[in-house]
């Protein structure tokens, strides 16, 4: 199923990706650069270059430390008292009000992204106004798998076509959400949001956003149409 812009469907549930949608990962990457002894600007420049050629953040870590073992490095950081993951200071300033604004409309609001198990407690500590928080490593399924989006729709107990999925990645968020029959909103921020390009996919998005500030109003107007 694909989105048909000629047949508007009311939105009953909105799900949000986590990294670079709700959480600013800049400091997270910065701390990894510090841990590996790499200047932060060099680290981020290489990240952009890798993303532009189809690489991932794990390729970035491997580049600067060949043989990189994520679990081992996280263990060493914990022993050294170097924080990993995210906290209140990493929450984008527009996130909290956006979620609350959608809940105020009586919508089901979910948070669901590709994150490690530890992110569940980190998200809970933020106290965001959401009905559910889904973490891929807890669910045992991750984007872009259709099963990930099926689980979101099932949790909201609404048809996929009445779910809006909001994310910063075309490959992990927009395309698979649309393919599953959901509506999609592309958030153009963070490295992926500015590097990835797919005009055809974006033309099928319900919204293309530069931030989350105006999303509640856009959804309300869409549902009132």
C-alpha atoms as a PDB file:
ATOM      1  CA  UNK A   1       0.000   0.000   0.000  1.00  0.00           C
ATOM      2  CA  UNK A   2       1.141   3.534  -0.735  1.00  0.00           C
ATOM      3  CA  UNK A   3       0.029   7.000   0.272  1.00  0.00           C
ATOM      4  CA  UNK A   4      -2.535   8.535  -2.076  1.00  0.00           C
ATOM      5  CA  UNK A   5      -2.430  12.327  -1.733  1.00  0.00           C
ATOM      6  CA  UNK A   6      -5.864  12.499  -3.404  1.00  0.00           C
ATOM      7  CA  UNK A   7      -7.484  10.587  -0.556  1.00  0.00           C
ATOM      8  CA  UNK A   8      -6.727  12.326   2.758  1.00  0.00           C
ATOM      9  CA  UNK A   9      -7.114  10.074   5.758  1.00  0.00           C
ATOM     10  CA  UNK A  10      -7.579  11.365   9.301  1.00  0.00           C
ATOM     11  CA  UNK A  11      -4.654  10.836  11.642  1.00  0.00           C
ATOM     12  CA  UNK A  12      -5.492   8.966  14.822  1.00  0.00           C
ATOM     13  CA  UNK A  13      -1.962   8.085  15.990  1.00  0.00           C
ATOM     14  CA  UNK A  14       1.435   9.709  15.637  1.00  0.00           C
ATOM     15  CA  UNK A  15       4.686   7.826  16.206  1.00  0.00           C
ATOM     16  CA  UNK A  16       8.074   9.501  16.505  1.00  0.00           C
ATOM     17  CA  UNK A  17      11.545   8.200  15.773  1.00  0.00           C
ATOM     18  CA  UNK A  18      14.068   8.916  18.535  1.00  0.00           C
ATOM     19  CA  UNK A  19      17.544   9.891  17.322  1.00  0.00           C
ATOM     20  CA  UNK A  20      17.620  13.317  15.637  1.00  0.00           C
ATOM     21  CA  UNK A  21      13.822  13.456  15.801  1.00  0.00           C
ATOM     22  CA  UNK A  22      13.343  13.843  19.546  1.00  0.00           C
ATOM     23  CA  UNK A  23      16.944  13.480  20.721  1.00  0.00           C
ATOM     24  CA  UNK A  24      19.839  15.645  19.530  1.00  0.00           C
ATOM     25  CA  UNK A  25      22.702  13.191  19.023  1.00  0.00           C
ATOM     26  CA  UNK A  26      25.382  15.839  18.531  1.00  0.00           C
ATOM     27  CA  UNK A  27      26.801  15.543  22.026  1.00  0.00           C
ATOM     28  CA  UNK A  28      26.559  11.753  21.902  1.00  0.00           C
ATOM     29  CA  UNK A  29      28.785  11.707  18.822  1.00  0.00           C
ATOM     30  CA  UNK A  30      30.995  14.337  20.389  1.00  0.00           C
ATOM     31  CA  UNK A  31      31.613  12.146  23.423  1.00  0.00           C
ATOM     32  CA  UNK A  32      32.512   9.225  21.161  1.00  0.00           C
ATOM     33  CA  UNK A  33      34.990  11.467  19.337  1.00  0.00           C
ATOM     34  CA  UNK A  34      36.543  12.460  22.657  1.00  0.00           C
ATOM     35  CA  UNK A  35      36.734   8.818  23.755  1.00  0.00           C
ATOM     36  CA  UNK A  36      38.502   7.829  20.540  1.00  0.00           C
ATOM     37  CA  UNK A  37      40.829  10.817  20.671  1.00  0.00           C
ATOM     38  CA  UNK A  38      39.539  12.362  17.436  1.00  0.00           C
ATOM     39  CA  UNK A  39      38.748  16.086  17.006  1.00  0.00           C
ATOM     40  CA  UNK A  40      34.988  16.487  17.039  1.00  0.00           C
ATOM     41  CA  UNK A  41      34.806  18.356  13.745  1.00  0.00           C
ATOM     42  CA  UNK A  42      36.873  15.655  12.028  1.00  0.00           C
ATOM     43  CA  UNK A  43      34.670  12.943  13.494  1.00  0.00           C
ATOM     44  CA  UNK A  44      31.476  14.603  12.270  1.00  0.00           C
ATOM     45  CA  UNK A  45      32.944  15.400   8.846  1.00  0.00           C
ATOM     46  CA  UNK A  46      33.800  11.732   8.370  1.00  0.00           C
ATOM     47  CA  UNK A  47      30.313  10.764   9.534  1.00  0.00           C
ATOM     48  CA  UNK A  48      28.800  12.929   6.812  1.00  0.00           C
ATOM     49  CA  UNK A  49      31.097  11.466   4.178  1.00  0.00           C
ATOM     50  CA  UNK A  50      30.182   7.918   5.198  1.00  0.00           C
ATOM     51  CA  UNK A  51      26.450   8.618   5.236  1.00  0.00           C
ATOM     52  CA  UNK A  52      26.647  10.171   1.768  1.00  0.00           C
ATOM     53  CA  UNK A  53      28.079   6.898   0.431  1.00  0.00           C
ATOM     54  CA  UNK A  54      25.698   4.574   2.254  1.00  0.00           C
ATOM     55  CA  UNK A  55      27.782   3.955   5.382  1.00  0.00           C
ATOM     56  CA  UNK A  56      26.593   3.888   8.977  1.00  0.00           C
ATOM     57  CA  UNK A  57      27.646   5.233  12.368  1.00  0.00           C
ATOM     58  CA  UNK A  58      29.225   1.841  13.096  1.00  0.00           C
ATOM     59  CA  UNK A  59      31.405   2.261  10.004  1.00  0.00           C
ATOM     60  CA  UNK A  60      32.484   5.584  11.488  1.00  0.00           C
ATOM     61  CA  UNK A  61      33.611   3.985  14.744  1.00  0.00           C
ATOM     62  CA  UNK A  62      35.365   1.198  12.859  1.00  0.00           C
ATOM     63  CA  UNK A  63      37.194   3.753  10.700  1.00  0.00           C
ATOM     64  CA  UNK A  64      38.766   5.479  13.671  1.00  0.00           C
ATOM     65  CA  UNK A  65      39.326   2.276  15.643  1.00  0.00           C
ATOM     66  CA  UNK A  66      39.762  -0.771  13.379  1.00  0.00           C
ATOM     67  CA  UNK A  67      38.277  -3.860  14.981  1.00  0.00           C
ATOM     68  CA  UNK A  68      35.886  -1.686  16.989  1.00  0.00           C
ATOM     69  CA  UNK A  69      33.759  -3.730  19.414  1.00  0.00           C
ATOM     70  CA  UNK A  70      30.751  -1.658  20.509  1.00  0.00           C
ATOM     71  CA  UNK A  71      29.876  -3.759  23.554  1.00  0.00           C
ATOM     72  CA  UNK A  72      33.478  -3.752  24.781  1.00  0.00           C
ATOM     73  CA  UNK A  73      33.906  -0.020  24.263  1.00  0.00           C
ATOM     74  CA  UNK A  74      30.643   0.711  26.075  1.00  0.00           C
ATOM     75  CA  UNK A  75      31.827  -1.457  28.974  1.00  0.00           C
ATOM     76  CA  UNK A  76      35.128   0.399  29.123  1.00  0.00           C
ATOM     77  CA  UNK A  77      33.347   3.754  29.041  1.00  0.00           C
ATOM     78  CA  UNK A  78      31.070   2.690  31.891  1.00  0.00           C
ATOM     79  CA  UNK A  79      34.065   1.598  33.970  1.00  0.00           C
ATOM     80  CA  UNK A  80      35.750   4.925  33.258  1.00  0.00           C
ATOM     81  CA  UNK A  81      32.650   6.872  34.273  1.00  0.00           C
ATOM     82  CA  UNK A  82      32.226   8.313  30.776  1.00  0.00           C
ATOM     83  CA  UNK A  83      28.484   8.640  30.077  1.00  0.00           C
ATOM     84  CA  UNK A  84      26.884   7.009  27.081  1.00  0.00           C
ATOM     85  CA  UNK A  85      23.387   7.422  25.722  1.00  0.00           C
ATOM     86  CA  UNK A  86      21.229  10.526  26.228  1.00  0.00           C
ATOM     87  CA  UNK A  87      19.616  12.604  28.950  1.00  0.00           C
ATOM     88  CA  UNK A  88      17.413  15.682  29.439  1.00  0.00           C
ATOM     89  CA  UNK A  89      19.992  18.051  27.956  1.00  0.00           C
ATOM     90  CA  UNK A  90      19.873  16.109  24.671  1.00  0.00           C
ATOM     91  CA  UNK A  91      16.117  16.467  24.173  1.00  0.00           C
ATOM     92  CA  UNK A  92      15.311  18.826  21.299  1.00  0.00           C
ATOM     93  CA  UNK A  93      13.549  21.923  22.705  1.00  0.00           C
ATOM     94  CA  UNK A  94      10.522  21.472  20.438  1.00  0.00           C
ATOM     95  CA  UNK A  95       9.902  17.815  21.326  1.00  0.00           C
ATOM     96  CA  UNK A  96       8.036  18.009  24.617  1.00  0.00           C
ATOM     97  CA  UNK A  97       5.468  20.607  23.514  1.00  0.00           C
ATOM     98  CA  UNK A  98       4.887  18.793  20.218  1.00  0.00           C
ATOM     99  CA  UNK A  99       4.012  15.497  21.890  1.00  0.00           C
ATOM    100  CA  UNK A 100       1.776  17.215  24.435  1.00  0.00           C
ATOM    101  CA  UNK A 101       0.042  19.220  21.710  1.00  0.00           C
ATOM    102  CA  UNK A 102      -0.854  16.048  19.855  1.00  0.00           C
ATOM    103  CA  UNK A 103      -2.049  14.293  23.006  1.00  0.00           C
ATOM    104  CA  UNK A 104      -4.251  17.310  23.722  1.00  0.00           C
ATOM    105  CA  UNK A 105      -6.046  16.541  20.438  1.00  0.00           C
ATOM    106  CA  UNK A 106      -6.936  13.082  21.728  1.00  0.00           C
ATOM    107  CA  UNK A 107      -4.441  11.342  19.474  1.00  0.00           C
ATOM    108  CA  UNK A 108      -2.466   8.246  20.379  1.00  0.00           C
ATOM    109  CA  UNK A 109       1.173   9.317  20.622  1.00  0.00           C
ATOM    110  CA  UNK A 110       4.002   6.814  20.453  1.00  0.00           C
ATOM    111  CA  UNK A 111       7.788   6.918  20.433  1.00  0.00           C
ATOM    112  CA  UNK A 112       9.500   4.077  18.574  1.00  0.00           C
ATOM    113  CA  UNK A 113      13.033   3.894  17.222  1.00  0.00           C
ATOM    114  CA  UNK A 114      16.127   1.817  16.643  1.00  0.00           C
ATOM    115  CA  UNK A 115      17.871   2.021  19.999  1.00  0.00           C
ATOM    116  CA  UNK A 116      19.711  -0.247  22.452  1.00  0.00           C
ATOM    117  CA  UNK A 117      17.961  -1.734  25.473  1.00  0.00           C
ATOM    118  CA  UNK A 118      19.414   0.971  27.753  1.00  0.00           C
ATOM    119  CA  UNK A 119      17.476   3.647  25.862  1.00  0.00           C
ATOM    120  CA  UNK A 120      14.203   2.443  27.405  1.00  0.00           C
ATOM    121  CA  UNK A 121      15.201   3.701  30.857  1.00  0.00           C
ATOM    122  CA  UNK A 122      16.708   6.866  29.379  1.00  0.00           C
ATOM    123  CA  UNK A 123      13.456   7.674  27.561  1.00  0.00           C
ATOM    124  CA  UNK A 124      11.369   6.903  30.658  1.00  0.00           C
ATOM    125  CA  UNK A 125      13.476   9.319  32.695  1.00  0.00           C
ATOM    126  CA  UNK A 126      12.534  12.154  30.326  1.00  0.00           C
ATOM    127  CA  UNK A 127       8.865  11.902  31.300  1.00  0.00           C
ATOM    128  CA  UNK A 128       7.542  12.661  27.831  1.00  0.00           C
ATOM    129  CA  UNK A 129       3.798  12.792  27.158  1.00  0.00           C
ATOM    130  CA  UNK A 130       3.465   9.558  25.154  1.00  0.00           C
ATOM    131  CA  UNK A 131       1.248   6.483  25.333  1.00  0.00           C
ATOM    132  CA  UNK A 132       4.060   4.061  24.563  1.00  0.00           C
ATOM    133  CA  UNK A 133       7.822   3.956  24.043  1.00  0.00           C
ATOM    134  CA  UNK A 134       9.122   1.257  21.714  1.00  0.00           C
ATOM    135  CA  UNK A 135      12.811   0.337  21.635  1.00  0.00           C
ATOM    136  CA  UNK A 136      14.000  -1.922  18.814  1.00  0.00           C
ATOM    137  CA  UNK A 137      16.356  -4.007  20.948  1.00  0.00           C
ATOM    138  CA  UNK A 138      13.546  -4.550  23.448  1.00  0.00           C
ATOM    139  CA  UNK A 139      11.011  -5.422  20.764  1.00  0.00           C
ATOM    140  CA  UNK A 140      13.454  -7.684  18.943  1.00  0.00           C
ATOM    141  CA  UNK A 141      12.689  -6.032  15.596  1.00  0.00           C
ATOM    142  CA  UNK A 142      14.102  -2.884  14.032  1.00  0.00           C
ATOM    143  CA  UNK A 143      13.478  -0.506  11.182  1.00  0.00           C
ATOM    144  CA  UNK A 144      13.136  -0.731   8.256  1.00  0.00           C
ATOM    145  CA  UNK A 145      11.420  -4.101   8.878  1.00  0.00           C
ATOM    146  CA  UNK A 146       7.658  -4.018   8.160  1.00  0.00           C
ATOM    147  CA  UNK A 147       7.161  -5.837  11.463  1.00  0.00           C
ATOM    148  CA  UNK A 148       8.400  -2.738  13.300  1.00  0.00           C
ATOM    149  CA  UNK A 149       5.699  -0.558  11.749  1.00  0.00           C
ATOM    150  CA  UNK A 150       3.088  -3.295  12.142  1.00  0.00           C
ATOM    151  CA  UNK A 151       3.786  -3.291  15.865  1.00  0.00           C
ATOM    152  CA  UNK A 152       3.285   0.470  16.055  1.00  0.00           C
ATOM    153  CA  UNK A 153      -0.116   0.246  14.350  1.00  0.00           C
ATOM    154  CA  UNK A 154      -1.131  -2.694  16.521  1.00  0.00           C
ATOM    155  CA  UNK A 155      -0.213  -0.846  19.718  1.00  0.00           C
ATOM    156  CA  UNK A 156      -2.261   2.166  18.634  1.00  0.00           C
ATOM    157  CA  UNK A 157      -5.093  -0.162  17.557  1.00  0.00           C
ATOM    158  CA  UNK A 158      -5.757   1.838  14.397  1.00  0.00           C
ATOM    159  CA  UNK A 159      -5.354   1.017  10.687  1.00  0.00           C
ATOM    160  CA  UNK A 160      -1.874   1.812   9.285  1.00  0.00           C
ATOM    161  CA  UNK A 161      -3.339   4.498   7.035  1.00  0.00           C
ATOM    162  CA  UNK A 162      -4.359   6.507  10.095  1.00  0.00           C
ATOM    163  CA  UNK A 163      -0.885   6.423  11.641  1.00  0.00           C
ATOM    164  CA  UNK A 164       1.611   9.209  10.974  1.00  0.00           C
ATOM    165  CA  UNK A 165       5.248   8.195  11.420  1.00  0.00           C
ATOM    166  CA  UNK A 166       7.676  11.086  11.949  1.00  0.00           C
ATOM    167  CA  UNK A 167      11.410  10.630  11.356  1.00  0.00           C
ATOM    168  CA  UNK A 168      14.610  12.148  10.034  1.00  0.00           C
ATOM    169  CA  UNK A 169      15.688   9.302   7.742  1.00  0.00           C
ATOM    170  CA  UNK A 170      14.345   8.503   4.301  1.00  0.00           C
ATOM    171  CA  UNK A 171      15.694   4.947   4.329  1.00  0.00           C
ATOM    172  CA  UNK A 172      14.624   3.890   7.832  1.00  0.00           C
ATOM    173  CA  UNK A 173      11.571   6.077   8.395  1.00  0.00           C
ATOM    174  CA  UNK A 174       9.892   7.502   5.301  1.00  0.00           C
ATOM    175  CA  UNK A 175      10.143   4.696   2.748  1.00  0.00           C
ATOM    176  CA  UNK A 176       9.256   1.779   5.048  1.00  0.00           C
ATOM    177  CA  UNK A 177       6.414   3.678   6.745  1.00  0.00           C
ATOM    178  CA  UNK A 178       4.898   4.526   3.357  1.00  0.00           C
ATOM    179  CA  UNK A 179       5.431   0.971   2.117  1.00  0.00           C
ATOM    180  CA  UNK A 180       3.499  -0.339   5.109  1.00  0.00           C
ATOM    181  CA  UNK A 181       0.613   1.987   4.294  1.00  0.00           C
ATOM    182  CA  UNK A 182       1.247   4.618   6.950  1.00  0.00           C
ATOM    183  CA  UNK A 183       1.401   8.345   6.396  1.00  0.00           C
ATOM    184  CA  UNK A 184       4.842   9.879   6.855  1.00  0.00           C
ATOM    185  CA  UNK A 185       6.374  13.158   7.939  1.00  0.00           C
ATOM    186  CA  UNK A 186      10.002  13.800   7.084  1.00  0.00           C
ATOM    187  CA  UNK A 187      11.952  15.915   9.570  1.00  0.00           C
ATOM    188  CA  UNK A 188      14.885  17.615   7.898  1.00  0.00           C
ATOM    189  CA  UNK A 189      17.390  17.818  10.744  1.00  0.00           C
ATOM    190  CA  UNK A 190      20.455  15.910  11.858  1.00  0.00           C
ATOM    191  CA  UNK A 191      23.043  14.381   9.514  1.00  0.00           C
ATOM    192  CA  UNK A 192      20.711  11.917   7.783  1.00  0.00           C
ATOM    193  CA  UNK A 193      17.995  14.521   7.377  1.00  0.00           C
ATOM    194  CA  UNK A 194      20.275  16.818   5.405  1.00  0.00           C
ATOM    195  CA  UNK A 195      22.315  14.245   3.496  1.00  0.00           C
ATOM    196  CA  UNK A 196      19.731  11.764   2.257  1.00  0.00           C
ATOM    197  CA  UNK A 197      17.770  12.748  -0.859  1.00  0.00           C
ATOM    198  CA  UNK A 198      14.756  11.121  -2.531  1.00  0.00           C
ATOM    199  CA  UNK A 199      12.379  13.581  -4.122  1.00  0.00           C
ATOM    200  CA  UNK A 200       9.887  10.865  -5.064  1.00  0.00           C
ATOM    201  CA  UNK A 201       9.618   9.593  -1.493  1.00  0.00           C
ATOM    202  CA  UNK A 202       9.346  13.100  -0.073  1.00  0.00           C
ATOM    203  CA  UNK A 203       6.590  13.970  -2.557  1.00  0.00           C
ATOM    204  CA  UNK A 204       4.512  11.216  -0.943  1.00  0.00           C
ATOM    205  CA  UNK A 205       5.024  12.525   2.585  1.00  0.00           C
ATOM    206  CA  UNK A 206       2.101  14.211   4.248  1.00  0.00           C
ATOM    207  CA  UNK A 207       4.468  16.780   5.752  1.00  0.00           C
ATOM    208  CA  UNK A 208       8.097  17.820   5.253  1.00  0.00           C
ATOM    209  CA  UNK A 209       9.277  19.639   8.375  1.00  0.00           C
ATOM    210  CA  UNK A 210      12.252  21.687   9.514  1.00  0.00           C
ATOM    211  CA  UNK A 211      11.272  21.280  13.176  1.00  0.00           C
ATOM    212  CA  UNK A 212       8.439  19.873  15.298  1.00  0.00           C
ATOM    213  CA  UNK A 213       7.003  23.183  16.478  1.00  0.00           C
ATOM    214  CA  UNK A 214       4.168  23.423  13.984  1.00  0.00           C
ATOM    215  CA  UNK A 215       3.276  19.725  13.712  1.00  0.00           C
ATOM    216  CA  UNK A 216       0.294  19.740  16.128  1.00  0.00           C
ATOM    217  CA  UNK A 217      -1.319  22.578  14.169  1.00  0.00           C
ATOM    218  CA  UNK A 218      -0.658  20.827  10.839  1.00  0.00           C
ATOM    219  CA  UNK A 219      -2.214  17.604  12.097  1.00  0.00           C
ATOM    220  CA  UNK A 220      -5.244  19.463  13.482  1.00  0.00           C
ATOM    221  CA  UNK A 221      -5.770  21.231  10.141  1.00  0.00           C
ATOM    222  CA  UNK A 222      -5.383  17.962   8.243  1.00  0.00           C
ATOM    223  CA  UNK A 223      -7.964  16.232  10.433  1.00  0.00           C
ATOM    224  CA  UNK A 224     -10.371  19.148  10.117  1.00  0.00           C
ATOM    225  CA  UNK A 225     -10.225  19.141   6.315  1.00  0.00           C
END
